[in-house]
C-alpha atoms as a PDB file:
ATOM      1  CA  MET A   1      29.243 -12.446 -15.745  1.00  0.00           C
ATOM      2  CA  ALA A   2      26.746 -10.494 -13.643  1.00  0.00           C
ATOM      3  CA  VAL A   3      26.095 -11.589 -10.111  1.00  0.00           C
ATOM      4  CA  LEU A   4      22.419 -11.658  -9.221  1.00  0.00           C
ATOM      5  CA  GLY A   5      21.203 -11.221  -5.688  1.00  0.00           C
ATOM      6  CA  ASN A   6      19.548  -8.933  -3.228  1.00  0.00           C
ATOM      7  CA  LYS A   7      20.612  -5.331  -2.947  1.00  0.00           C
ATOM      8  CA  ILE A   8      19.787  -2.963  -0.133  1.00  0.00           C
ATOM      9  CA  LYS A   9      18.537   0.306  -1.586  1.00  0.00           C
ATOM     10  CA  ASP A  10      19.596   3.676  -0.279  1.00  0.00           C
ATOM     11  CA  ALA A  11      17.128   6.512   0.370  1.00  0.00           C
ATOM     12  CA  ASN A  12      17.373   7.927  -3.165  1.00  0.00           C
ATOM     13  CA  GLU A  13      16.771   4.527  -4.750  1.00  0.00           C
ATOM     14  CA  ILE A  14      13.762   3.910  -2.515  1.00  0.00           C
ATOM     15  CA  GLN A  15      12.319   7.325  -3.376  1.00  0.00           C
ATOM     16  CA  SER A  16      12.883   6.628  -7.077  1.00  0.00           C
ATOM     17  CA  SER A  17      11.083   3.277  -6.775  1.00  0.00           C
ATOM     18  CA  ILE A  18       8.132   4.893  -5.002  1.00  0.00           C
ATOM     19  CA  LYS A  19       7.929   7.576  -7.689  1.00  0.00           C
ATOM     20  CA  ARG A  20       7.990   4.918 -10.425  1.00  0.00           C
ATOM     21  CA  ILE A  21       5.169   3.013  -8.683  1.00  0.00           C
ATOM     22  CA  ALA A  22       3.211   6.279  -8.317  1.00  0.00           C
ATOM     23  CA  TYR A  23       3.428   6.849 -12.088  1.00  0.00           C
ATOM     24  CA  GLN A  24       2.266   3.284 -12.717  1.00  0.00           C
ATOM     25  CA  VAL A  25      -0.711   3.736 -10.389  1.00  0.00           C
ATOM     26  CA  TYR A  26      -1.612   7.052 -12.022  1.00  0.00           C
ATOM     27  CA  GLU A  27      -1.266   5.717 -15.569  1.00  0.00           C
ATOM     28  CA  SER A  28      -3.512   2.776 -14.706  1.00  0.00           C
ATOM     29  CA  ASN A  29      -6.127   4.964 -12.994  1.00  0.00           C
ATOM     30  CA  PHE A  30      -5.939   8.399 -14.643  1.00  0.00           C
ATOM     31  CA  ASP A  31      -9.651   8.393 -15.539  1.00  0.00           C
ATOM     32  CA  GLU A  32     -10.849   7.378 -12.061  1.00  0.00           C
ATOM     33  CA  LYS A  33     -12.595   9.820  -9.747  1.00  0.00           C
ATOM     34  CA  ASN A  34     -11.380   8.111  -6.582  1.00  0.00           C
ATOM     35  CA  ILE A  35      -8.570   5.777  -5.727  1.00  0.00           C
ATOM     36  CA  VAL A  36      -7.961   4.102  -2.417  1.00  0.00           C
ATOM     37  CA  ILE A  37      -4.523   3.242  -1.134  1.00  0.00           C
ATOM     38  CA  VAL A  38      -4.440   0.521   1.480  1.00  0.00           C
ATOM     39  CA  GLY A  39      -1.324  -0.511   3.360  1.00  0.00           C
ATOM     40  CA  ILE A  40      -1.288  -3.880   5.063  1.00  0.00           C
ATOM     41  CA  GLY A  41       0.818  -4.080   8.196  1.00  0.00           C
ATOM     42  CA  SER A  42       3.217  -1.518   9.596  1.00  0.00           C
ATOM     43  CA  ARG A  43       5.529  -1.439   6.574  1.00  0.00           C
ATOM     44  CA  GLY A  44       2.616  -1.425   4.141  1.00  0.00           C
ATOM     45  CA  GLY A  45       1.055   1.440   6.055  1.00  0.00           C
ATOM     46  CA  SER A  46       4.245   3.468   5.819  1.00  0.00           C
ATOM     47  CA  LEU A  47       4.591   2.685   2.125  1.00  0.00           C
ATOM     48  CA  SER A  48       0.964   3.638   1.458  1.00  0.00           C
ATOM     49  CA  LYS A  49       1.557   7.078   2.975  1.00  0.00           C
ATOM     50  CA  LEU A  50       4.689   7.640   0.871  1.00  0.00           C
ATOM     51  CA  LEU A  51       2.935   6.374  -2.254  1.00  0.00           C
ATOM     52  CA  GLY A  52      -0.109   8.586  -1.643  1.00  0.00           C
ATOM     53  CA  ALA A  53       2.104  11.660  -1.297  1.00  0.00           C
ATOM     54  CA  ALA A  54       4.002  10.741  -4.485  1.00  0.00           C
ATOM     55  CA  ILE A  55       0.767  10.266  -6.461  1.00  0.00           C
ATOM     56  CA  GLU A  56      -0.511  13.656  -5.351  1.00  0.00           C
ATOM     57  CA  LYS A  57       2.809  15.223  -6.322  1.00  0.00           C
ATOM     58  CA  ILE A  58       2.994  13.815  -9.875  1.00  0.00           C
ATOM     59  CA  SER A  59      -0.685  13.861 -10.851  1.00  0.00           C
ATOM     60  CA  PRO A  60      -3.907  15.832 -10.546  1.00  0.00           C
ATOM     61  CA  LEU A  61      -5.349  13.031  -8.377  1.00  0.00           C
ATOM     62  CA  LYS A  62      -5.925  14.077  -4.799  1.00  0.00           C
ATOM     63  CA  LEU A  63      -6.603  11.748  -1.930  1.00  0.00           C
ATOM     64  CA  LYS A  64      -9.838  12.567  -0.126  1.00  0.00           C
ATOM     65  CA  LYS A  65      -8.540  10.861   2.988  1.00  0.00           C
ATOM     66  CA  SER A  66      -5.241   9.600   4.289  1.00  0.00           C
ATOM     67  CA  PRO A  67      -4.155   6.162   3.107  1.00  0.00           C
ATOM     68  CA  LEU A  68      -5.816   3.396   5.069  1.00  0.00           C
ATOM     69  CA  ARG A  69      -3.530   1.330   7.251  1.00  0.00           C
ATOM     70  CA  ILE A  70      -4.721  -2.130   8.222  1.00  0.00           C
ATOM     71  CA  THR A  71      -2.556  -3.853  10.765  1.00  0.00           C
ATOM     72  CA  LEU A  72      -2.476  -7.173  12.504  1.00  0.00           C
ATOM     73  CA  PRO A  73      -3.016  -7.536  16.235  1.00  0.00           C
ATOM     74  CA  HIS A  74       0.098  -7.058  18.336  1.00  0.00           C
ATOM     75  CA  CYS A  75       0.715 -10.695  19.116  1.00  0.00           C
ATOM     76  CA  PRO A  76       2.560 -13.613  17.515  1.00  0.00           C
ATOM     77  CA  ALA A  77       1.207 -14.561  14.095  1.00  0.00           C
ATOM     78  CA  PRO A  78      -0.211 -18.068  13.727  1.00  0.00           C
ATOM     79  CA  THR A  79       1.197 -20.456  11.160  1.00  0.00           C
ATOM     80  CA  ALA A  80      -1.615 -23.004  11.151  1.00  0.00           C
ATOM     81  CA  GLY A  81      -3.813 -22.632   8.067  1.00  0.00           C
ATOM     82  CA  ASN A  82      -7.112 -22.626   9.955  1.00  0.00           C
ATOM     83  CA  LEU A  83      -5.888 -19.856  12.291  1.00  0.00           C
ATOM     84  CA  GLU A  84      -4.401 -17.796   9.466  1.00  0.00           C
ATOM     85  CA  LYS A  85      -7.849 -17.540   7.885  1.00  0.00           C
ATOM     86  CA  ILE A  86      -9.254 -15.691  10.899  1.00  0.00           C
ATOM     87  CA  TYR A  87      -6.097 -13.743  11.785  1.00  0.00           C
ATOM     88  CA  TYR A  88      -4.870 -12.149   8.549  1.00  0.00           C
ATOM     89  CA  PRO A  89      -6.816  -9.408   6.724  1.00  0.00           C
ATOM     90  CA  THR A  90      -8.811 -10.632   3.739  1.00  0.00           C
ATOM     91  CA  VAL A  91     -10.811  -8.960   0.998  1.00  0.00           C
ATOM     92  CA  GLU A  92     -13.896  -9.506   3.159  1.00  0.00           C
ATOM     93  CA  THR A  93     -12.368  -7.618   6.101  1.00  0.00           C
ATOM     94  CA  ILE A  94     -10.668  -4.891   4.053  1.00  0.00           C
ATOM     95  CA  LEU A  95     -13.548  -3.999   1.712  1.00  0.00           C
ATOM     96  CA  PRO A  96     -15.912  -2.616   4.401  1.00  0.00           C
ATOM     97  CA  GLN A  97     -13.128  -0.333   5.641  1.00  0.00           C
ATOM     98  CA  VAL A  98     -12.465   0.902   2.101  1.00  0.00           C
ATOM     99  CA  LYS A  99     -16.193   1.567   1.596  1.00  0.00           C
ATOM    100  CA  LYS A 100     -16.188   3.682   4.777  1.00  0.00           C
ATOM    101  CA  LEU A 101     -13.367   5.768   3.303  1.00  0.00           C
ATOM    102  CA  LEU A 102     -15.372   6.472   0.172  1.00  0.00           C
ATOM    103  CA  ASP A 103     -18.521   7.615   2.018  1.00  0.00           C
END
Protein backbone atom coordinates (compact mmCIF):
# COMPACT_ATOMS: atom_id res chain seq x y z
CA MET A 1 0.00 0.00 0.00
CA ALA A 2 1.44 3.36 -1.05
CA VAL A 3 1.79 6.07 1.52
CA LEU A 4 0.60 9.45 0.30
CA GLY A 5 1.96 12.67 1.68
CA ASN A 6 4.17 15.64 1.08
CA LYS A 7 7.63 15.18 -0.34
CA ILE A 8 10.40 17.74 -0.35
CA LYS A 9 11.90 17.93 -3.83
CA ASP A 10 15.61 18.13 -4.46
CA ALA A 11 17.15 20.58 -6.94
CA ASN A 12 16.89 18.19 -9.90
CA GLU A 13 13.23 17.46 -9.21
CA ILE A 14 12.45 21.16 -8.92
CA GLN A 15 14.24 21.88 -12.20
CA SER A 16 12.33 19.04 -13.86
CA SER A 17 9.02 20.44 -12.59
CA ILE A 18 9.86 23.91 -13.88
CA LYS A 19 10.80 22.47 -17.27
CA ARG A 20 7.52 20.53 -17.42
CA ILE A 21 5.56 23.71 -16.59
CA ALA A 22 7.55 25.61 -19.25
CA TYR A 23 6.49 23.05 -21.88
CA GLN A 24 2.87 23.35 -20.76
CA VAL A 25 3.00 27.15 -21.02
CA TYR A 26 4.61 26.95 -24.46
CA GLU A 27 2.17 24.34 -25.76
CA SER A 28 -0.76 26.46 -24.60
CA ASN A 29 0.66 29.67 -26.10
CA PHE A 30 2.80 28.64 -29.08
CA ASP A 31 0.89 30.90 -31.49
CA GLU A 32 1.06 34.00 -29.27
CA LYS A 33 3.29 36.94 -30.11
CA ASN A 34 3.76 37.97 -26.48
CA ILE A 35 3.40 36.25 -23.16
CA VAL A 36 3.71 37.83 -19.77
CA ILE A 37 4.97 35.99 -16.73
CA VAL A 38 3.93 37.47 -13.42
CA GLY A 39 5.17 36.24 -10.07
CA ILE A 40 3.20 37.14 -6.98
CA GLY A 41 5.24 37.54 -3.82
CA SER A 42 8.88 36.73 -3.25
CA ARG A 43 8.61 33.03 -4.07
CA GLY A 44 6.39 33.69 -7.07
CA GLY A 45 8.87 36.26 -8.32
CA SER A 46 11.72 33.77 -8.08
CA LEU A 47 9.66 31.09 -9.80
CA SER A 48 8.65 33.48 -12.59
CA LYS A 49 12.31 34.18 -13.36
CA LEU A 50 13.16 30.46 -13.47
CA LEU A 51 10.09 29.73 -15.59
CA GLY A 52 10.88 32.56 -18.01
CA ALA A 53 14.42 31.24 -18.51
CA ALA A 54 13.10 27.70 -19.05
CA ILE A 55 10.55 28.87 -21.64
CA GLU A 56 13.22 30.73 -23.56
CA LYS A 57 15.44 27.65 -23.45
CA ILE A 58 12.87 25.15 -24.79
CA SER A 59 10.98 27.34 -27.27
CA PRO A 60 11.37 30.10 -29.84
CA LEU A 61 9.44 32.45 -27.53
CA LYS A 62 11.57 35.25 -26.15
CA LEU A 63 10.64 37.49 -23.29
CA LYS A 64 10.73 41.16 -24.23
CA LYS A 65 11.22 42.09 -20.60
CA SER A 66 12.11 40.34 -17.39
CA PRO A 67 9.28 38.58 -15.57
CA LEU A 68 7.20 40.97 -13.52
CA ARG A 69 7.41 40.52 -9.77
CA ILE A 70 4.54 41.88 -7.71
CA THR A 71 5.12 41.78 -4.00
CA LEU A 72 3.22 42.67 -0.89
CA PRO A 73 4.29 45.46 1.43
CA HIS A 74 6.85 44.46 4.03
CA CYS A 75 4.51 44.31 6.98
CA PRO A 76 2.23 41.72 8.60
CA ALA A 77 -0.54 40.51 6.31
CA PRO A 78 -4.11 41.18 7.44
CA THR A 79 -6.55 38.33 7.91
CA ALA A 80 -9.76 40.34 8.01
CA GLY A 81 -11.68 40.06 4.73
CA ASN A 82 -12.23 43.79 4.29
CA LEU A 83 -8.50 44.50 4.75
CA GLU A 84 -7.43 41.65 2.48
CA LYS A 85 -9.31 43.28 -0.39
CA ILE A 86 -7.12 46.39 -0.26
CA TYR A 87 -3.87 44.64 0.72
CA TYR A 88 -3.46 41.70 -1.67
CA PRO A 89 -2.82 42.16 -5.41
CA THR A 90 -5.90 41.70 -7.58
CA VAL A 91 -6.54 41.55 -11.31
CA GLU A 92 -7.33 45.27 -11.14
CA THR A 93 -3.93 46.09 -9.62
CA ILE A 94 -1.90 43.61 -11.69
CA LEU A 95 -3.37 44.35 -15.14
CA PRO A 96 -2.08 47.95 -15.42
CA GLN A 97 1.43 46.74 -14.59
CA VAL A 98 1.20 44.02 -17.24
CA LYS A 99 -0.02 46.57 -19.81
CA LYS A 100 3.04 48.72 -19.03
CA LEU A 101 5.26 45.72 -19.79
CA LEU A 102 3.67 45.28 -23.20
CA ASP A 103 4.08 48.93 -24.26
